[in-house]
Amino acid sequence: MGKLMGATGEPNYTYTKGVLRYNGRIVVGHDGNLRTQLVKSIHDSYVGGHAGILNTYKRLKTSFYWFGIMTMVKKAVEECNVCRQAKA
């Protein structure tokens, strides 16, 4: 397993079998479409879907990492028609 040193000198990143991880979570690159699909998949799932911003974020961050993940989750949940209807 290859380790990459972070700015502080701590090995936060690993690179194994072509997968970059940050603290064990898969790093998702700048592909906005992939990020959107991941958020939508977690938020819309039949098991625990449409559970709000915090729960969607918690489920997503257990496996994936990218800078701005919370902002993206918040925007997606706020724009979700199912969530808006349930809230009203």
C-alpha atoms as a PDB file:
ATOM      1  CA  MET A   1       0.000   0.000   0.000  1.00  0.00           C
ATOM      2  CA  GLY A   2       1.435   3.371  -0.976  1.00  0.00           C
ATOM      3  CA  LYS A   3       1.137   6.272   1.435  1.00  0.00           C
ATOM      4  CA  LEU A   4       1.205   9.949   0.549  1.00  0.00           C
ATOM      5  CA  MET A   5       2.203  12.508   3.128  1.00  0.00           C
ATOM      6  CA  GLY A   6      -0.115  15.432   3.801  1.00  0.00           C
ATOM      7  CA  ALA A   7       1.058  19.001   4.386  1.00  0.00           C
ATOM      8  CA  THR A   8       1.452  18.309   8.107  1.00  0.00           C
ATOM      9  CA  GLY A   9       3.592  15.223   7.469  1.00  0.00           C
ATOM     10  CA  GLU A  10       0.845  12.828   8.557  1.00  0.00           C
ATOM     11  CA  PRO A  11      -0.107  10.009   6.190  1.00  0.00           C
ATOM     12  CA  ASN A  12      -3.738  10.996   5.554  1.00  0.00           C
ATOM     13  CA  TYR A  13      -3.767   9.766   1.970  1.00  0.00           C
ATOM     14  CA  THR A  14      -3.277   6.245   0.660  1.00  0.00           C
ATOM     15  CA  TYR A  15      -3.128   5.023  -2.917  1.00  0.00           C
ATOM     16  CA  THR A  16      -3.919   1.342  -3.421  1.00  0.00           C
ATOM     17  CA  LYS A  17      -4.916  -0.515  -6.588  1.00  0.00           C
ATOM     18  CA  GLY A  18      -5.559   2.751  -8.406  1.00  0.00           C
ATOM     19  CA  VAL A  19      -7.814   4.229  -5.695  1.00  0.00           C
ATOM     20  CA  LEU A  20      -6.844   7.368  -3.790  1.00  0.00           C
ATOM     21  CA  ARG A  21      -8.242   7.548  -0.269  1.00  0.00           C
ATOM     22  CA  TYR A  22      -8.253  10.248   2.383  1.00  0.00           C
ATOM     23  CA  ASN A  23      -8.567   8.825   5.908  1.00  0.00           C
ATOM     24  CA  GLY A  24      -9.990   5.644   4.369  1.00  0.00           C
ATOM     25  CA  ARG A  25     -12.615   7.426   2.245  1.00  0.00           C
ATOM     26  CA  ILE A  26     -12.495   7.413  -1.563  1.00  0.00           C
ATOM     27  CA  VAL A  27     -11.380  10.774  -2.957  1.00  0.00           C
ATOM     28  CA  VAL A  28     -13.767  11.933  -5.691  1.00  0.00           C
ATOM     29  CA  GLY A  29     -12.120  14.176  -8.263  1.00  0.00           C
ATOM     30  CA  HIS A  30     -13.455  17.372  -9.775  1.00  0.00           C
ATOM     31  CA  ASP A  31     -15.998  15.573 -11.980  1.00  0.00           C
ATOM     32  CA  GLY A  32     -19.150  17.446 -10.988  1.00  0.00           C
ATOM     33  CA  ASN A  33     -21.381  14.902 -12.697  1.00  0.00           C
ATOM     34  CA  LEU A  34     -19.988  12.022 -10.618  1.00  0.00           C
ATOM     35  CA  ARG A  35     -20.338  14.034  -7.426  1.00  0.00           C
ATOM     36  CA  THR A  36     -23.936  14.917  -8.312  1.00  0.00           C
ATOM     37  CA  GLN A  37     -24.746  11.266  -9.035  1.00  0.00           C
ATOM     38  CA  LEU A  38     -23.280  10.168  -5.695  1.00  0.00           C
ATOM     39  CA  VAL A  39     -25.280  12.756  -3.746  1.00  0.00           C
ATOM     40  CA  LYS A  40     -28.459  11.903  -5.638  1.00  0.00           C
ATOM     41  CA  SER A  41     -27.943   8.174  -5.161  1.00  0.00           C
ATOM     42  CA  ILE A  42     -27.509   8.486  -1.389  1.00  0.00           C
ATOM     43  CA  HIS A  43     -30.265  11.083  -0.965  1.00  0.00           C
ATOM     44  CA  ASP A  44     -32.833   9.293  -3.148  1.00  0.00           C
ATOM     45  CA  SER A  45     -32.158   5.732  -1.948  1.00  0.00           C
ATOM     46  CA  TYR A  46     -35.043   3.524  -0.871  1.00  0.00           C
ATOM     47  CA  VAL A  47     -33.245   2.755   2.376  1.00  0.00           C
ATOM     48  CA  GLY A  48     -32.983   5.934   4.417  1.00  0.00           C
ATOM     49  CA  GLY A  49     -33.466   8.324   1.535  1.00  0.00           C
ATOM     50  CA  HIS A  50     -34.837  11.869   1.834  1.00  0.00           C
ATOM     51  CA  ALA A  51     -33.657  12.037   5.441  1.00  0.00           C
ATOM     52  CA  GLY A  52     -32.464  15.637   5.359  1.00  0.00           C
ATOM     53  CA  ILE A  53     -29.153  17.412   4.965  1.00  0.00           C
ATOM     54  CA  LEU A  54     -27.273  16.073   7.979  1.00  0.00           C
ATOM     55  CA  ASN A  55     -28.217  12.415   7.505  1.00  0.00           C
ATOM     56  CA  THR A  56     -27.454  12.516   3.790  1.00  0.00           C
ATOM     57  CA  TYR A  57     -24.092  14.128   4.531  1.00  0.00           C
ATOM     58  CA  LYS A  58     -23.234  11.560   7.215  1.00  0.00           C
ATOM     59  CA  ARG A  59     -24.063   8.629   4.933  1.00  0.00           C
ATOM     60  CA  LEU A  60     -22.062  10.103   2.053  1.00  0.00           C
ATOM     61  CA  LYS A  61     -18.999  11.038   4.079  1.00  0.00           C
ATOM     62  CA  THR A  62     -18.553   7.533   5.460  1.00  0.00           C
ATOM     63  CA  SER A  63     -17.300   6.379   2.049  1.00  0.00           C
ATOM     64  CA  PHE A  64     -16.397   9.452  -0.005  1.00  0.00           C
ATOM     65  CA  TYR A  65     -14.394  12.656   0.302  1.00  0.00           C
ATOM     66  CA  TRP A  66     -14.143  15.870  -1.678  1.00  0.00           C
ATOM     67  CA  PHE A  67     -13.801  19.491  -0.693  1.00  0.00           C
ATOM     68  CA  GLY A  68     -17.232  21.141  -0.429  1.00  0.00           C
ATOM     69  CA  ILE A  69     -19.237  17.965   0.078  1.00  0.00           C
ATOM     70  CA  MET A  70     -21.543  19.550   2.697  1.00  0.00           C
ATOM     71  CA  THR A  71     -22.323  22.526   0.461  1.00  0.00           C
ATOM     72  CA  MET A  72     -23.260  20.202  -2.385  1.00  0.00           C
ATOM     73  CA  VAL A  73     -25.468  18.030  -0.152  1.00  0.00           C
ATOM     74  CA  LYS A  74     -27.228  21.083   1.298  1.00  0.00           C
ATOM     75  CA  LYS A  75     -28.006  22.456  -2.154  1.00  0.00           C
ATOM     76  CA  ALA A  76     -29.293  19.096  -3.426  1.00  0.00           C
ATOM     77  CA  VAL A  77     -31.571  18.521  -0.432  1.00  0.00           C
ATOM     78  CA  GLU A  78     -32.928  22.075  -0.526  1.00  0.00           C
ATOM     79  CA  GLU A  79     -33.773  21.629  -4.230  1.00  0.00           C
ATOM     80  CA  CYS A  80     -35.400  18.197  -3.754  1.00  0.00           C
ATOM     81  CA  ASN A  81     -39.121  18.304  -4.627  1.00  0.00           C
ATOM     82  CA  VAL A  82     -39.946  15.285  -2.450  1.00  0.00           C
ATOM     83  CA  CYS A  83     -38.323  16.877   0.592  1.00  0.00           C
ATOM     84  CA  ARG A  84     -40.018  20.218  -0.048  1.00  0.00           C
ATOM     85  CA  GLN A  85     -43.445  18.570  -0.296  1.00  0.00           C
ATOM     86  CA  ALA A  86     -42.893  16.529   2.856  1.00  0.00           C
ATOM     87  CA  LYS A  87     -41.825  19.622   4.763  1.00  0.00           C
ATOM     88  CA  ALA A  88     -44.916  21.614   3.836  1.00  0.00           C
END
